[in-house]
PDB file of all heavy atoms in Angstrom:
ATOM      1  N   VAL A   1      53.692 -42.191  41.206  1.00  0.00           N
ATOM      2  CA  VAL A   1      52.762 -41.189  40.679  1.00  0.00           C
ATOM      3  C   VAL A   1      53.539 -40.094  39.943  1.00  0.00           C
ATOM      4  O   VAL A   1      53.148 -39.654  38.853  1.00  0.00           O
ATOM      5  CB  VAL A   1      51.904 -40.584  41.810  1.00  0.00           C
ATOM      6  CG1 VAL A   1      51.147 -39.354  41.320  1.00  0.00           C
ATOM      7  CG2 VAL A   1      50.921 -41.630  42.341  1.00  0.00           C
ATOM      8  N   ALA A   2      54.649 -39.663  40.525  1.00  0.00           N
ATOM      9  CA  ALA A   2      55.478 -38.647  39.869  1.00  0.00           C
ATOM     10  C   ALA A   2      56.061 -39.187  38.569  1.00  0.00           C
ATOM     11  O   ALA A   2      56.131 -38.462  37.564  1.00  0.00           O
ATOM     12  CB  ALA A   2      56.595 -38.198  40.814  1.00  0.00           C
ATOM     13  N   TYR A   3      56.474 -40.447  38.568  1.00  0.00           N
ATOM     14  CA  TYR A   3      57.003 -41.030  37.337  1.00  0.00           C
ATOM     15  C   TYR A   3      55.919 -41.070  36.257  1.00  0.00           C
ATOM     16  O   TYR A   3      56.173 -40.721  35.102  1.00  0.00           O
ATOM     17  CB  TYR A   3      57.531 -42.435  37.566  1.00  0.00           C
ATOM     18  CG  TYR A   3      58.113 -43.035  36.306  1.00  0.00           C
ATOM     19  CD1 TYR A   3      59.451 -42.864  35.991  1.00  0.00           C
ATOM     20  CD2 TYR A   3      57.318 -43.728  35.392  1.00  0.00           C
ATOM     21  CE1 TYR A   3      59.991 -43.371  34.819  1.00  0.00           C
ATOM     22  CE2 TYR A   3      57.840 -44.226  34.211  1.00  0.00           C
ATOM     23  CZ  TYR A   3      59.172 -44.055  33.932  1.00  0.00           C
ATOM     24  OH  TYR A   3      59.690 -44.549  32.761  1.00  0.00           O
ATOM     25  N   ILE A   4      54.720 -41.512  36.640  1.00  0.00           N
ATOM     26  CA  ILE A   4      53.607 -41.588  35.682  1.00  0.00           C
ATOM     27  C   ILE A   4      53.334 -40.207  35.091  1.00  0.00           C
ATOM     28  O   ILE A   4      53.105 -40.065  33.880  1.00  0.00           O
ATOM     29  CB  ILE A   4      52.349 -42.159  36.371  1.00  0.00           C
ATOM     30  CG1 ILE A   4      52.564 -43.643  36.705  1.00  0.00           C
ATOM     31  CG2 ILE A   4      51.119 -41.980  35.485  1.00  0.00           C
ATOM     32  CD1 ILE A   4      51.514 -44.216  37.643  1.00  0.00           C
ATOM     33  N   ALA A   5      53.387 -39.171  35.926  1.00  0.00           N
ATOM     34  CA  ALA A   5      53.130 -37.809  35.435  1.00  0.00           C
ATOM     35  C   ALA A   5      54.200 -37.395  34.424  1.00  0.00           C
ATOM     36  O   ALA A   5      53.885 -36.886  33.340  1.00  0.00           O
ATOM     37  CB  ALA A   5      53.099 -36.835  36.613  1.00  0.00           C
ATOM     38  N   GLY A   6      55.482 -37.622  34.759  1.00  0.00           N
ATOM     39  CA  GLY A   6      56.561 -37.244  33.854  1.00  0.00           C
ATOM     40  C   GLY A   6      56.552 -38.040  32.568  1.00  0.00           C
ATOM     41  O   GLY A   6      56.729 -37.493  31.471  1.00  0.00           O
ATOM     42  N   ALA A   7      56.330 -39.345  32.677  1.00  0.00           N
ATOM     43  CA  ALA A   7      56.313 -40.196  31.489  1.00  0.00           C
ATOM     44  C   ALA A   7      55.085 -39.906  30.625  1.00  0.00           C
ATOM     45  O   ALA A   7      55.157 -39.984  29.389  1.00  0.00           O
ATOM     46  CB  ALA A   7      56.331 -41.663  31.901  1.00  0.00           C
ATOM     47  N   SER A   8      53.968 -39.570  31.251  1.00  0.00           N
ATOM     48  CA  SER A   8      52.763 -39.230  30.491  1.00  0.00           C
ATOM     49  C   SER A   8      52.967 -37.931  29.718  1.00  0.00           C
ATOM     50  O   SER A   8      52.481 -37.790  28.583  1.00  0.00           O
ATOM     51  CB  SER A   8      51.559 -39.092  31.429  1.00  0.00           C
ATOM     52  OG  SER A   8      51.281 -40.328  32.065  1.00  0.00           O
ATOM     53  N   PHE A   9      53.668 -36.978  30.328  1.00  0.00           N
ATOM     54  CA  PHE A   9      54.027 -35.745  29.622  1.00  0.00           C
ATOM     55  C   PHE A   9      54.818 -36.079  28.360  1.00  0.00           C
ATOM     56  O   PHE A   9      54.541 -35.568  27.273  1.00  0.00           O
ATOM     57  CB  PHE A   9      54.843 -34.855  30.563  1.00  0.00           C
ATOM     58  CG  PHE A   9      55.675 -33.807  29.869  1.00  0.00           C
ATOM     59  CD1 PHE A   9      55.097 -32.646  29.378  1.00  0.00           C
ATOM     60  CD2 PHE A   9      57.046 -33.987  29.714  1.00  0.00           C
ATOM     61  CE1 PHE A   9      55.867 -31.684  28.742  1.00  0.00           C
ATOM     62  CE2 PHE A   9      57.824 -33.040  29.073  1.00  0.00           C
ATOM     63  CZ  PHE A   9      57.237 -31.883  28.586  1.00  0.00           C
ATOM     64  N   MET A  10      55.814 -36.963  28.503  1.00  0.00           N
ATOM     65  CA  MET A  10      56.622 -37.353  27.357  1.00  0.00           C
ATOM     66  C   MET A  10      55.776 -38.072  26.307  1.00  0.00           C
ATOM     67  O   MET A  10      55.879 -37.796  25.103  1.00  0.00           O
ATOM     68  CB  MET A  10      57.763 -38.250  27.805  1.00  0.00           C
ATOM     69  CG  MET A  10      58.864 -37.543  28.566  1.00  0.00           C
ATOM     70  SD  MET A  10      59.737 -36.324  27.551  1.00  0.00           S
ATOM     71  CE  MET A  10      60.394 -37.377  26.269  1.00  0.00           C
ATOM     72  N   ALA A  11      54.924 -38.991  26.745  1.00  0.00           N
ATOM     73  CA  ALA A  11      54.108 -39.769  25.814  1.00  0.00           C
ATOM     74  C   ALA A  11      53.141 -38.863  25.051  1.00  0.00           C
ATOM     75  O   ALA A  11      52.946 -39.034  23.838  1.00  0.00           O
ATOM     76  CB  ALA A  11      53.339 -40.851  26.568  1.00  0.00           C
ATOM     77  N   PHE A  12      52.540 -37.910  25.753  1.00  0.00           N
ATOM     78  CA  PHE A  12      51.592 -37.004  25.102  1.00  0.00           C
ATOM     79  C   PHE A  12      52.268 -36.215  23.984  1.00  0.00           C
ATOM     80  O   PHE A  12      51.748 -36.129  22.862  1.00  0.00           O
ATOM     81  CB  PHE A  12      50.986 -36.045  26.131  1.00  0.00           C
ATOM     82  CG  PHE A  12      50.082 -34.994  25.523  1.00  0.00           C
ATOM     83  CD1 PHE A  12      48.763 -35.280  25.237  1.00  0.00           C
ATOM     84  CD2 PHE A  12      50.579 -33.731  25.218  1.00  0.00           C
ATOM     85  CE1 PHE A  12      47.936 -34.319  24.653  1.00  0.00           C
ATOM     86  CE2 PHE A  12      49.764 -32.766  24.640  1.00  0.00           C
ATOM     87  CZ  PHE A  12      48.438 -33.067  24.356  1.00  0.00           C
ATOM     88  N   PHE A  13      53.446 -35.655  24.276  1.00  0.00           N
ATOM     89  CA  PHE A  13      54.097 -34.818  23.271  1.00  0.00           C
ATOM     90  C   PHE A  13      54.770 -35.644  22.175  1.00  0.00           C
ATOM     91  O   PHE A  13      54.929 -35.158  21.053  1.00  0.00           O
ATOM     92  CB  PHE A  13      55.084 -33.861  23.930  1.00  0.00           C
ATOM     93  CG  PHE A  13      54.417 -32.655  24.524  1.00  0.00           C
ATOM     94  CD1 PHE A  13      54.159 -32.589  25.877  1.00  0.00           C
ATOM     95  CD2 PHE A  13      54.004 -31.608  23.717  1.00  0.00           C
ATOM     96  CE1 PHE A  13      53.519 -31.492  26.427  1.00  0.00           C
ATOM     97  CE2 PHE A  13      53.357 -30.510  24.249  1.00  0.00           C
ATOM     98  CZ  PHE A  13      53.116 -30.448  25.611  1.00  0.00           C
ATOM     99  N   LEU A  14      55.151 -36.885  22.465  1.00  0.00           N
ATOM    100  CA  LEU A  14      55.642 -37.745  21.395  1.00  0.00           C
ATOM    101  C   LEU A  14      54.533 -38.026  20.386  1.00  0.00           C
ATOM    102  O   LEU A  14      54.768 -38.078  19.178  1.00  0.00           O
ATOM    103  CB  LEU A  14      56.182 -39.059  21.969  1.00  0.00           C
ATOM    104  CG  LEU A  14      57.589 -39.027  22.549  1.00  0.00           C
ATOM    105  CD1 LEU A  14      57.919 -40.370  23.196  1.00  0.00           C
ATOM    106  CD2 LEU A  14      58.611 -38.695  21.482  1.00  0.00           C
ATOM    107  N   LEU A  15      53.303 -38.196  20.906  1.00  0.00           N
ATOM    108  CA  LEU A  15      52.187 -38.521  20.023  1.00  0.00           C
ATOM    109  C   LEU A  15      51.602 -37.285  19.349  1.00  0.00           C
ATOM    110  O   LEU A  15      51.303 -37.307  18.150  1.00  0.00           O
ATOM    111  CB  LEU A  15      51.098 -39.251  20.824  1.00  0.00           C
ATOM    112  CG  LEU A  15      49.933 -39.827  20.021  1.00  0.00           C
ATOM    113  CD1 LEU A  15      50.425 -40.817  18.968  1.00  0.00           C
ATOM    114  CD2 LEU A  15      48.928 -40.516  20.945  1.00  0.00           C
ATOM    115  N   PHE A  16      51.449 -36.187  20.106  1.00  0.00           N
ATOM    116  CA  PHE A  16      50.736 -35.021  19.572  1.00  0.00           C
ATOM    117  C   PHE A  16      51.601 -33.768  19.419  1.00  0.00           C
ATOM    118  O   PHE A  16      51.117 -32.743  18.940  1.00  0.00           O
ATOM    119  CB  PHE A  16      49.549 -34.679  20.488  1.00  0.00           C
ATOM    120  CG  PHE A  16      48.539 -35.777  20.593  1.00  0.00           C
ATOM    121  CD1 PHE A  16      48.337 -36.445  21.795  1.00  0.00           C
ATOM    122  CD2 PHE A  16      47.781 -36.160  19.488  1.00  0.00           C
ATOM    123  CE1 PHE A  16      47.406 -37.466  21.902  1.00  0.00           C
ATOM    124  CE2 PHE A  16      46.845 -37.177  19.587  1.00  0.00           C
ATOM    125  CZ  PHE A  16      46.657 -37.836  20.796  1.00  0.00           C
ATOM    126  N   GLY A  17      52.868 -33.842  19.828  1.00  0.00           N
ATOM    127  CA  GLY A  17      53.707 -32.645  19.817  1.00  0.00           C
ATOM    128  C   GLY A  17      53.893 -32.030  18.450  1.00  0.00           C
ATOM    129  O   GLY A  17      54.042 -30.801  18.336  1.00  0.00           O
ATOM    130  N   ASP A  18      53.878 -32.850  17.405  1.00  0.00           N
ATOM    131  CA  ASP A  18      54.052 -32.309  16.056  1.00  0.00           C
ATOM    132  C   ASP A  18      52.987 -31.266  15.712  1.00  0.00           C
ATOM    133  O   ASP A  18      53.241 -30.336  14.939  1.00  0.00           O
ATOM    134  CB  ASP A  18      54.001 -33.433  15.016  1.00  0.00           C
ATOM    135  CG  ASP A  18      55.278 -34.262  15.009  1.00  0.00           C
ATOM    136  OD1 ASP A  18      56.360 -33.665  14.889  1.00  0.00           O
ATOM    137  OD2 ASP A  18      55.183 -35.483  15.151  1.00  0.00           O
ATOM    138  N   PHE A  19      51.799 -31.426  16.294  1.00  0.00           N
ATOM    139  CA  PHE A  19      50.705 -30.505  15.976  1.00  0.00           C
ATOM    140  C   PHE A  19      50.884 -29.142  16.640  1.00  0.00           C
ATOM    141  O   PHE A  19      50.137 -28.211  16.348  1.00  0.00           O
ATOM    142  CB  PHE A  19      49.368 -31.119  16.393  1.00  0.00           C
ATOM    143  CG  PHE A  19      49.013 -32.366  15.634  1.00  0.00           C
ATOM    144  CD1 PHE A  19      49.246 -33.617  16.190  1.00  0.00           C
ATOM    145  CD2 PHE A  19      48.492 -32.300  14.355  1.00  0.00           C
ATOM    146  CE1 PHE A  19      48.931 -34.776  15.498  1.00  0.00           C
ATOM    147  CE2 PHE A  19      48.176 -33.447  13.654  1.00  0.00           C
ATOM    148  CZ  PHE A  19      48.394 -34.694  14.219  1.00  0.00           C
ATOM    149  N   PHE A  20      51.863 -29.024  17.547  1.00  0.00           N
ATOM    150  CA  PHE A  20      52.128 -27.741  18.209  1.00  0.00           C
ATOM    151  C   PHE A  20      53.268 -26.986  17.542  1.00  0.00           C
ATOM    152  O   PHE A  20      53.704 -25.957  18.054  1.00  0.00           O
ATOM    153  CB  PHE A  20      52.456 -27.972  19.695  1.00  0.00           C
ATOM    154  CG  PHE A  20      51.306 -28.514  20.490  1.00  0.00           C
ATOM    155  CD1 PHE A  20      51.139 -29.881  20.662  1.00  0.00           C
ATOM    156  CD2 PHE A  20      50.379 -27.667  21.062  1.00  0.00           C
ATOM    157  CE1 PHE A  20      50.088 -30.393  21.403  1.00  0.00           C
ATOM    158  CE2 PHE A  20      49.314 -28.157  21.806  1.00  0.00           C
ATOM    159  CZ  PHE A  20      49.161 -29.529  21.972  1.00  0.00           C
ATOM    160  N   THR A  21      53.777 -27.503  16.429  1.00  0.00           N
ATOM    161  CA  THR A  21      54.832 -26.814  15.691  1.00  0.00           C
ATOM    162  C   THR A  21      54.216 -26.045  14.522  1.00  0.00           C
ATOM    163  O   THR A  21      53.256 -26.520  13.893  1.00  0.00           O
ATOM    164  CB  THR A  21      55.880 -27.808  15.163  1.00  0.00           C
ATOM    165  OG1 THR A  21      55.236 -28.776  14.328  1.00  0.00           O
ATOM    166  CG2 THR A  21      56.555 -28.526  16.319  1.00  0.00           C
ATOM    167  N   PRO A  22      54.738 -24.860  14.205  1.00  0.00           N
ATOM    168  CA  PRO A  22      54.110 -24.007  13.182  1.00  0.00           C
ATOM    169  C   PRO A  22      54.043 -24.647  11.797  1.00  0.00           C
ATOM    170  O   PRO A  22      53.103 -24.383  11.044  1.00  0.00           O
ATOM    171  CB  PRO A  22      55.007 -22.760  13.173  1.00  0.00           C
ATOM    172  CG  PRO A  22      55.731 -22.777  14.462  1.00  0.00           C
ATOM    173  CD  PRO A  22      55.888 -24.212  14.835  1.00  0.00           C
ATOM    174  N   ASP A  23      55.022 -25.477  11.449  1.00  0.00           N
ATOM    175  CA  ASP A  23      55.097 -25.996  10.084  1.00  0.00           C
ATOM    176  C   ASP A  23      54.633 -27.443   9.965  1.00  0.00           C
ATOM    177  O   ASP A  23      55.024 -28.152   9.053  1.00  0.00           O
ATOM    178  CB  ASP A  23      56.535 -25.897   9.572  1.00  0.00           C
ATOM    179  CG  ASP A  23      57.503 -26.731  10.404  1.00  0.00           C
ATOM    180  OD1 ASP A  23      57.141 -27.090  11.554  1.00  0.00           O
ATOM    181  OD2 ASP A  23      58.603 -27.026   9.913  1.00  0.00           O
ATOM    182  N   TYR A  24      53.760 -27.875  10.911  1.00  0.00           N
ATOM    183  CA  TYR A  24      53.431 -29.300  10.934  1.00  0.00           C
ATOM    184  C   TYR A  24      52.706 -29.743   9.655  1.00  0.00           C
ATOM    185  O   TYR A  24      52.879 -30.880   9.198  1.00  0.00           O
ATOM    186  CB  TYR A  24      52.613 -29.649  12.179  1.00  0.00           C
ATOM    187  CG  TYR A  24      51.144 -29.306  12.123  1.00  0.00           C
ATOM    188  CD1 TYR A  24      50.214 -30.237  11.644  1.00  0.00           C
ATOM    189  CD2 TYR A  24      50.672 -28.087  12.569  1.00  0.00           C
ATOM    190  CE1 TYR A  24      48.864 -29.930  11.605  1.00  0.00           C
ATOM    191  CE2 TYR A  24      49.333 -27.779  12.539  1.00  0.00           C
ATOM    192  CZ  TYR A  24      48.426 -28.698  12.049  1.00  0.00           C
ATOM    193  OH  TYR A  24      47.094 -28.406  12.011  1.00  0.00           O
ATOM    194  N   ARG A  25      51.921 -28.857   9.048  1.00  0.00           N
ATOM    195  CA  ARG A  25      51.195 -29.258   7.833  1.00  0.00           C
ATOM    196  C   ARG A  25      52.165 -29.579   6.702  1.00  0.00           C
ATOM    197  O   ARG A  25      52.025 -30.609   6.026  1.00  0.00           O
ATOM    198  CB  ARG A  25      50.235 -28.144   7.393  1.00  0.00           C
ATOM    199  CG  ARG A  25      49.082 -27.907   8.358  1.00  0.00           C
ATOM    200  CD  ARG A  25      48.134 -26.834   7.831  1.00  0.00           C
ATOM    201  NE  ARG A  25      47.109 -26.506   8.783  1.00  0.00           N
ATOM    202  CZ  ARG A  25      45.974 -27.179   8.939  1.00  0.00           C
ATOM    203  NH1 ARG A  25      45.727 -28.222   8.161  1.00  0.00           N
ATOM    204  NH2 ARG A  25      45.082 -26.820   9.847  1.00  0.00           N
TER     205      ARG A  25
END
């Protein structure tokens, strides 16, 4: 369960992390 939580954190930001950067556009 802890692994799933940590890996899901990584997967989420790999997919959507660019949208949290100021210059993504």
